[in-house]
C-alpha cells in the first residue's frame, strides 16, 4: 500500500508540473486542455473540469478506477472519455495529453490536409515521437460519437487530431506524451509557416528507417 500511495503522490505532482510547463509556454490557455496518467493498479488520475493547467492542485485531481468510474477528487472533465478511449486502444500507454494548442488546431481547419496523416514528415523527431497523425471528424465537445471516432483512429496511432478542436496524444510515460504533443505543435507551426513555399520533407525511405528504430 505504501508503494501505491508514494507512486500516486509523485504522479499527482508530475501532472501539476507538466500542466504548468505547458501553460507557461502558452501551449494551452484558460481552462482548456487536460492531462491524465495511469497508475500501476490501473487507476487514472486526470485534471478536472474548469481547471487551468497552469494552476493545478495535485490533491484535487479526479481519480478514476481501472473500470473508468470516477471515485474521488474534483468533478471530472467532460472530455475524460477521450483519454479512456486512448488507453483502451493503446494498451501500453501510461499517460495522455489533450490540448487546444493554436497551431495544431489551425492545421485541423485546413481544407487540403490528408485525413489519414495530417502532417508531412518534416523532421526526424516528429516522425519518432508522433509518427502518424490521423484526423478525427468534428463532433461537438462531449459528444459520445466522438468517443467512437477517436477509438477507431487510436487503433493504429497513439496521436490523433480532432477537427476544429485539437490533438490527443498518448505516451508510455507522462514525459513521452508531453514531448510528443509539443513536437506535434511545433511541426504544425512549421507546416503553417511553409504553406507558401515548396518543401522538402523526409523521403518515405527516411521516414520508414526512423519508424523502425522506435
Foldseek 3Di string as FASTA:
>chain_A
DVVQVVQLVVVLVVQLVLLLVCVVVPQADQQFKKKWFAGPQQKIWMQAPRDRSNDDDSVQTFIAHNVGHTDDHDHHDLCVLLVVLLCVQVVLFGMKIWHQGDLLQVLLADDPADQFAGFFQADLVLCQLWNGEHEQEDDPRNDVVSSVSSNVSSNPGQKYAYRNGTIMHTDNGRVSNSVNRVSSSVRSVVCVVCVVDDDDHDDPVRSVVSVVVD
